[in-house]
Amino acid sequence: MKLIRMVALAAALLGGATLSAHAQGGMRGGGRGGGRMMERLLTGIQLSDAQKASIDSIQSAYRSQMPPRTPGSPPDDATRAKMREVMQKENADIRKVLTPDQQKMFDKNLADMRSRMGGGGPPSR
């Protein structure tokens, strides 16, 4: 049940907002609400313009890998697994763009988000 709740929350976060890091300098949120999730992951992290551009590119690449979903119906187990896999790879690639100090904050934000969602899951490295 925790897994379903966690995945449903993650899916909702991937739903359709723009990244408020946009205010930090133009990052886009990504189609289905990945913006709110990315905003939380990048809370407290000041990104350079080059980092913002790299993260935008990474988000665009992974957005196209997300499985299609039917609005209003929960994803099945296979879709959830694919979403989780894509998000973990995306987070790992974004983490590589960050400095060691930024990575520490990113890891803390990721752990905080996972604990709020009610579950662990493997680290994104």
N, C-alpha and C. Protein backbone atom coordinates (compact mmCIF):
# COMPACT_ATOMS: atom_id res chain seq x y z
N MET A 1 0.82 -1.19 0.00
CA MET A 1 0.00 0.00 0.00
C MET A 1 0.86 1.26 0.00
N LYS A 2 1.99 1.19 0.79
CA LYS A 2 2.89 2.34 0.81
C LYS A 2 3.44 2.61 -0.58
N LEU A 3 3.79 1.54 -1.29
CA LEU A 3 4.35 1.70 -2.63
C LEU A 3 3.36 2.38 -3.55
N ILE A 4 2.10 1.95 -3.48
CA ILE A 4 1.07 2.55 -4.33
C ILE A 4 0.92 4.03 -4.00
N ARG A 5 0.91 4.35 -2.71
CA ARG A 5 0.77 5.75 -2.30
C ARG A 5 1.98 6.56 -2.76
N MET A 6 3.18 5.99 -2.62
CA MET A 6 4.39 6.68 -3.03
C MET A 6 4.38 6.93 -4.53
N VAL A 7 4.03 5.91 -5.29
CA VAL A 7 4.02 6.05 -6.74
C VAL A 7 2.93 7.02 -7.18
N ALA A 8 1.77 6.95 -6.52
CA ALA A 8 0.69 7.87 -6.87
C ALA A 8 1.12 9.32 -6.61
N LEU A 9 1.81 9.54 -5.49
CA LEU A 9 2.30 10.89 -5.18
C LEU A 9 3.35 11.31 -6.20
N ALA A 10 4.25 10.40 -6.54
CA ALA A 10 5.27 10.72 -7.54
C ALA A 10 4.61 11.05 -8.88
N ALA A 11 3.60 10.26 -9.24
CA ALA A 11 2.90 10.51 -10.50
C ALA A 11 2.20 11.87 -10.45
N ALA A 12 1.61 12.18 -9.30
CA ALA A 12 0.95 13.48 -9.16
C ALA A 12 1.97 14.61 -9.28
N LEU A 13 3.16 14.40 -8.69
CA LEU A 13 4.20 15.41 -8.79
C LEU A 13 4.68 15.56 -10.22
N LEU A 14 4.54 14.50 -11.00
CA LEU A 14 4.93 14.58 -12.40
C LEU A 14 3.79 15.12 -13.25
N GLY A 15 2.75 15.61 -12.62
CA GLY A 15 1.50 15.98 -13.28
C GLY A 15 1.47 17.20 -14.16
N GLY A 16 2.04 18.34 -13.81
CA GLY A 16 1.90 19.45 -14.74
C GLY A 16 2.18 20.83 -14.20
N ALA A 17 3.26 21.04 -13.48
CA ALA A 17 3.57 22.39 -13.02
C ALA A 17 4.90 22.83 -13.60
N THR A 18 5.12 24.10 -13.55
CA THR A 18 6.42 24.60 -14.00
C THR A 18 7.34 24.70 -12.80
N LEU A 19 8.57 24.59 -13.07
CA LEU A 19 9.60 24.60 -12.05
C LEU A 19 9.79 26.00 -11.52
N SER A 20 9.67 26.17 -10.19
CA SER A 20 9.85 27.52 -9.67
C SER A 20 11.31 27.90 -9.69
N ALA A 21 12.16 26.93 -9.94
CA ALA A 21 13.55 27.30 -10.18
C ALA A 21 13.61 28.13 -11.45
N HIS A 22 12.50 28.16 -12.16
CA HIS A 22 12.36 29.04 -13.31
C HIS A 22 12.72 30.46 -12.87
N ALA A 23 12.30 30.80 -11.66
CA ALA A 23 12.61 32.11 -11.12
C ALA A 23 14.10 32.26 -10.89
N GLN A 24 14.79 31.11 -10.66
CA GLN A 24 16.24 31.15 -10.49
C GLN A 24 16.92 31.43 -11.81
N GLY A 25 16.23 31.21 -12.90
CA GLY A 25 16.88 31.53 -14.14
C GLY A 25 16.47 30.70 -15.32
N GLY A 26 15.22 30.40 -15.46
CA GLY A 26 14.76 29.90 -16.72
C GLY A 26 14.64 28.41 -16.89
N MET A 27 14.75 27.59 -15.87
CA MET A 27 14.59 26.16 -16.06
C MET A 27 13.13 25.83 -16.29
N ARG A 28 12.91 24.87 -17.15
CA ARG A 28 11.54 24.43 -17.44
C ARG A 28 11.20 23.24 -16.57
N GLY A 29 9.92 23.10 -16.27
CA GLY A 29 9.48 22.06 -15.36
C GLY A 29 9.27 20.72 -15.97
N GLY A 30 8.98 20.61 -17.21
CA GLY A 30 8.74 19.30 -17.76
C GLY A 30 7.27 19.01 -17.73
N GLY A 31 6.83 18.35 -18.71
CA GLY A 31 5.46 18.09 -19.02
C GLY A 31 4.50 17.78 -17.91
N ARG A 32 4.74 16.80 -17.10
CA ARG A 32 3.68 16.31 -16.23
C ARG A 32 3.93 16.62 -14.76
N GLY A 33 4.44 17.75 -14.44
CA GLY A 33 4.59 18.11 -13.03
C GLY A 33 5.94 17.77 -12.48
N GLY A 34 6.84 17.31 -13.33
CA GLY A 34 8.18 17.04 -12.89
C GLY A 34 8.79 18.29 -12.31
N GLY A 35 8.21 19.43 -12.65
CA GLY A 35 8.71 20.70 -12.16
C GLY A 35 8.65 20.81 -10.66
N ARG A 36 7.53 20.40 -10.08
CA ARG A 36 7.43 20.49 -8.62
C ARG A 36 8.42 19.55 -7.95
N MET A 37 8.57 18.36 -8.52
CA MET A 37 9.51 17.42 -7.94
C MET A 37 10.93 17.97 -8.07
N MET A 38 11.25 18.47 -9.24
CA MET A 38 12.60 19.00 -9.45
C MET A 38 12.83 20.22 -8.57
N GLU A 39 11.82 21.03 -8.41
CA GLU A 39 11.93 22.19 -7.52
C GLU A 39 12.30 21.73 -6.11
N ARG A 40 11.65 20.71 -5.64
CA ARG A 40 11.96 20.19 -4.29
C ARG A 40 13.36 19.60 -4.23
N LEU A 41 13.75 18.88 -5.27
CA LEU A 41 15.08 18.29 -5.27
C LEU A 41 16.18 19.34 -5.31
N LEU A 42 15.89 20.49 -5.91
CA LEU A 42 16.89 21.53 -6.05
C LEU A 42 16.74 22.65 -5.02
N THR A 43 15.88 22.47 -4.04
CA THR A 43 15.70 23.47 -2.99
C THR A 43 17.04 23.71 -2.28
N GLY A 44 17.40 24.97 -2.17
CA GLY A 44 18.63 25.33 -1.47
C GLY A 44 19.89 25.21 -2.32
N ILE A 45 19.72 24.91 -3.60
CA ILE A 45 20.86 24.75 -4.50
C ILE A 45 20.84 25.89 -5.52
N GLN A 46 21.91 26.67 -5.53
CA GLN A 46 22.05 27.76 -6.50
C GLN A 46 22.78 27.20 -7.72
N LEU A 47 22.11 27.18 -8.86
CA LEU A 47 22.67 26.59 -10.07
C LEU A 47 23.28 27.66 -10.97
N SER A 48 24.37 27.28 -11.62
CA SER A 48 24.95 28.16 -12.64
C SER A 48 24.10 28.04 -13.90
N ASP A 49 24.29 28.97 -14.82
CA ASP A 49 23.55 28.90 -16.09
C ASP A 49 23.87 27.61 -16.84
N ALA A 50 25.12 27.18 -16.80
CA ALA A 50 25.51 25.94 -17.48
C ALA A 50 24.80 24.73 -16.85
N GLN A 51 24.71 24.71 -15.53
CA GLN A 51 24.02 23.62 -14.84
C GLN A 51 22.53 23.62 -15.20
N LYS A 52 21.93 24.80 -15.24
CA LYS A 52 20.51 24.90 -15.61
C LYS A 52 20.28 24.35 -17.00
N ALA A 53 21.15 24.71 -17.92
CA ALA A 53 21.01 24.22 -19.30
C ALA A 53 21.18 22.71 -19.35
N SER A 54 22.15 22.18 -18.62
CA SER A 54 22.36 20.72 -18.59
C SER A 54 21.15 20.01 -18.00
N ILE A 55 20.61 20.54 -16.93
CA ILE A 55 19.45 19.91 -16.28
C ILE A 55 18.24 19.98 -17.19
N ASP A 56 18.06 21.09 -17.89
CA ASP A 56 16.96 21.19 -18.86
C ASP A 56 17.08 20.09 -19.92
N SER A 57 18.30 19.88 -20.42
CA SER A 57 18.53 18.86 -21.44
C SER A 57 18.24 17.46 -20.89
N ILE A 58 18.69 17.21 -19.68
CA ILE A 58 18.46 15.91 -19.05
C ILE A 58 16.96 15.68 -18.88
N GLN A 59 16.25 16.69 -18.38
CA GLN A 59 14.81 16.56 -18.19
C GLN A 59 14.10 16.28 -19.50
N SER A 60 14.49 16.97 -20.55
CA SER A 60 13.87 16.76 -21.86
C SER A 60 14.09 15.33 -22.34
N ALA A 61 15.30 14.84 -22.18
CA ALA A 61 15.61 13.49 -22.64
C ALA A 61 14.79 12.44 -21.87
N TYR A 62 14.69 12.60 -20.57
CA TYR A 62 13.96 11.61 -19.78
C TYR A 62 12.45 11.76 -19.90
N ARG A 63 11.98 12.97 -20.16
CA ARG A 63 10.54 13.18 -20.33
C ARG A 63 10.02 12.31 -21.47
N SER A 64 10.82 12.20 -22.52
CA SER A 64 10.39 11.40 -23.67
C SER A 64 10.42 9.90 -23.38
N GLN A 65 11.10 9.50 -22.31
CA GLN A 65 11.18 8.09 -21.95
C GLN A 65 10.06 7.66 -20.99
N MET A 66 9.34 8.62 -20.44
CA MET A 66 8.27 8.28 -19.51
C MET A 66 7.15 7.54 -20.26
N PRO A 67 6.63 6.49 -19.65
CA PRO A 67 5.55 5.76 -20.32
C PRO A 67 4.28 6.62 -20.40
N PRO A 68 3.50 6.43 -21.45
CA PRO A 68 2.24 7.19 -21.56
C PRO A 68 1.27 6.77 -20.47
N ARG A 69 0.46 7.72 -20.04
CA ARG A 69 -0.53 7.45 -18.99
C ARG A 69 -1.87 7.99 -19.41
N THR A 70 -2.90 7.37 -18.87
CA THR A 70 -4.26 7.82 -19.09
C THR A 70 -4.66 8.71 -17.93
N PRO A 71 -4.95 9.99 -18.18
CA PRO A 71 -5.35 10.88 -17.09
C PRO A 71 -6.58 10.32 -16.36
N GLY A 72 -6.53 10.42 -15.05
CA GLY A 72 -7.66 10.00 -14.24
C GLY A 72 -7.64 8.54 -13.83
N SER A 73 -6.73 7.75 -14.38
CA SER A 73 -6.64 6.36 -13.95
C SER A 73 -5.23 6.08 -13.45
N PRO A 74 -5.12 5.32 -12.36
CA PRO A 74 -3.80 5.06 -11.79
C PRO A 74 -2.98 4.16 -12.73
N PRO A 75 -1.68 4.36 -12.72
CA PRO A 75 -0.83 3.52 -13.57
C PRO A 75 -0.78 2.09 -13.05
N ASP A 76 -0.61 1.14 -13.96
CA ASP A 76 -0.48 -0.25 -13.53
C ASP A 76 0.93 -0.49 -12.99
N ASP A 77 1.17 -1.70 -12.48
CA ASP A 77 2.46 -2.00 -11.86
C ASP A 77 3.63 -1.82 -12.82
N ALA A 78 3.47 -2.26 -14.05
CA ALA A 78 4.55 -2.15 -15.03
C ALA A 78 4.85 -0.68 -15.34
N THR A 79 3.81 0.14 -15.46
CA THR A 79 4.00 1.56 -15.73
C THR A 79 4.68 2.24 -14.55
N ARG A 80 4.25 1.89 -13.34
CA ARG A 80 4.89 2.46 -12.14
C ARG A 80 6.36 2.09 -12.09
N ALA A 81 6.66 0.83 -12.39
CA ALA A 81 8.06 0.38 -12.36
C ALA A 81 8.89 1.15 -13.38
N LYS A 82 8.35 1.34 -14.57
CA LYS A 82 9.06 2.08 -15.62
C LYS A 82 9.25 3.54 -15.21
N MET A 83 8.21 4.15 -14.63
CA MET A 83 8.32 5.54 -14.17
C MET A 83 9.42 5.67 -13.12
N ARG A 84 9.42 4.73 -12.18
CA ARG A 84 10.40 4.75 -11.10
C ARG A 84 11.82 4.60 -11.67
N GLU A 85 11.97 3.69 -12.63
CA GLU A 85 13.27 3.48 -13.27
C GLU A 85 13.76 4.74 -13.98
N VAL A 86 12.87 5.35 -14.74
CA VAL A 86 13.24 6.56 -15.48
C VAL A 86 13.60 7.69 -14.50
N MET A 87 12.80 7.86 -13.44
CA MET A 87 13.08 8.92 -12.47
C MET A 87 14.42 8.69 -11.77
N GLN A 88 14.74 7.44 -11.45
CA GLN A 88 16.01 7.16 -10.78
C GLN A 88 17.19 7.48 -11.69
N LYS A 89 17.08 7.12 -12.96
CA LYS A 89 18.14 7.43 -13.92
C LYS A 89 18.28 8.94 -14.11
N GLU A 90 17.14 9.62 -14.22
CA GLU A 90 17.16 11.07 -14.38
C GLU A 90 17.82 11.73 -13.18
N ASN A 91 17.44 11.33 -11.98
CA ASN A 91 18.04 11.91 -10.77
C ASN A 91 19.54 11.66 -10.73
N ALA A 92 19.97 10.46 -11.12
CA ALA A 92 21.40 10.15 -11.12
C ALA A 92 22.15 11.05 -12.10
N ASP A 93 21.57 11.26 -13.28
CA ASP A 93 22.23 12.11 -14.27
C ASP A 93 22.25 13.57 -13.83
N ILE A 94 21.18 14.03 -13.22
CA ILE A 94 21.15 15.41 -12.71
C ILE A 94 22.17 15.57 -11.60
N ARG A 95 22.28 14.58 -10.74
CA ARG A 95 23.23 14.64 -9.63
C ARG A 95 24.66 14.80 -10.15
N LYS A 96 24.97 14.19 -11.29
CA LYS A 96 26.32 14.28 -11.86
C LYS A 96 26.67 15.70 -12.29
N VAL A 97 25.66 16.51 -12.57
CA VAL A 97 25.87 17.90 -13.01
C VAL A 97 26.25 18.79 -11.83
N LEU A 98 25.93 18.35 -10.62
CA LEU A 98 26.09 19.18 -9.42
C LEU A 98 27.49 19.06 -8.82
N THR A 99 27.89 20.10 -8.10
CA THR A 99 29.15 20.07 -7.35
C THR A 99 28.97 19.16 -6.14
N PRO A 100 30.07 18.74 -5.50
CA PRO A 100 29.94 17.89 -4.31
C PRO A 100 29.04 18.50 -3.22
N ASP A 101 29.16 19.79 -2.97
CA ASP A 101 28.30 20.43 -1.96
C ASP A 101 26.84 20.42 -2.40
N GLN A 102 26.60 20.69 -3.68
CA GLN A 102 25.22 20.65 -4.20
C GLN A 102 24.67 19.23 -4.14
N GLN A 103 25.51 18.24 -4.39
CA GLN A 103 25.08 16.84 -4.33
C GLN A 103 24.59 16.48 -2.93
N LYS A 104 25.28 17.00 -1.91
CA LYS A 104 24.86 16.73 -0.54
C LYS A 104 23.45 17.27 -0.29
N MET A 105 23.19 18.48 -0.75
CA MET A 105 21.86 19.07 -0.58
C MET A 105 20.83 18.31 -1.41
N PHE A 106 21.18 17.94 -2.63
CA PHE A 106 20.30 17.16 -3.50
C PHE A 106 19.94 15.83 -2.83
N ASP A 107 20.96 15.15 -2.27
CA ASP A 107 20.73 13.87 -1.59
C ASP A 107 19.82 14.05 -0.39
N LYS A 108 20.03 15.13 0.36
CA LYS A 108 19.17 15.40 1.53
C LYS A 108 17.74 15.66 1.07
N ASN A 109 17.58 16.48 0.03
CA ASN A 109 16.25 16.78 -0.48
C ASN A 109 15.56 15.51 -0.99
N LEU A 110 16.31 14.64 -1.65
CA LEU A 110 15.75 13.39 -2.15
C LEU A 110 15.32 12.50 -1.00
N ALA A 111 16.16 12.39 0.02
CA ALA A 111 15.80 11.57 1.20
C ALA A 111 14.56 12.14 1.89
N ASP A 112 14.51 13.47 2.02
CA ASP A 112 13.33 14.11 2.64
C ASP A 112 12.07 13.82 1.83
N MET A 113 12.17 13.92 0.51
CA MET A 113 11.02 13.68 -0.35
C MET A 113 10.56 12.23 -0.22
N ARG A 114 11.50 11.31 -0.22
CA ARG A 114 11.15 9.89 -0.10
C ARG A 114 10.49 9.60 1.25
N SER A 115 10.99 10.23 2.30
CA SER A 115 10.38 9.98 3.61
C SER A 115 8.97 10.55 3.68
N ARG A 116 8.73 11.69 3.01
CA ARG A 116 7.38 12.26 2.98
C ARG A 116 6.43 11.39 2.16
N MET A 117 6.98 10.72 1.16
CA MET A 117 6.15 9.85 0.31
C MET A 117 5.88 8.51 0.99
N GLY A 118 6.52 8.28 2.11
CA GLY A 118 6.23 7.06 2.85
C GLY A 118 7.07 5.87 2.47
N GLY A 119 8.21 6.10 1.88
CA GLY A 119 9.02 4.95 1.55
C GLY A 119 10.41 5.34 1.13
N GLY A 120 11.24 4.36 1.10
CA GLY A 120 12.63 4.57 0.77
C GLY A 120 12.89 4.50 -0.70
N GLY A 121 13.15 3.32 -1.16
CA GLY A 121 13.60 3.18 -2.53
C GLY A 121 15.10 3.36 -2.57
N PRO A 122 15.73 2.88 -3.59
CA PRO A 122 17.19 2.96 -3.66
C PRO A 122 17.65 4.38 -3.90
N PRO A 123 18.86 4.70 -3.46
CA PRO A 123 19.40 6.02 -3.74
C PRO A 123 19.53 6.21 -5.24
N SER A 124 19.60 7.43 -5.68
CA SER A 124 19.60 7.71 -7.11
C SER A 124 20.98 7.69 -7.74
N ARG A 125 21.94 7.19 -7.07
CA ARG A 125 23.30 7.22 -7.62
C ARG A 125 23.57 6.13 -8.55
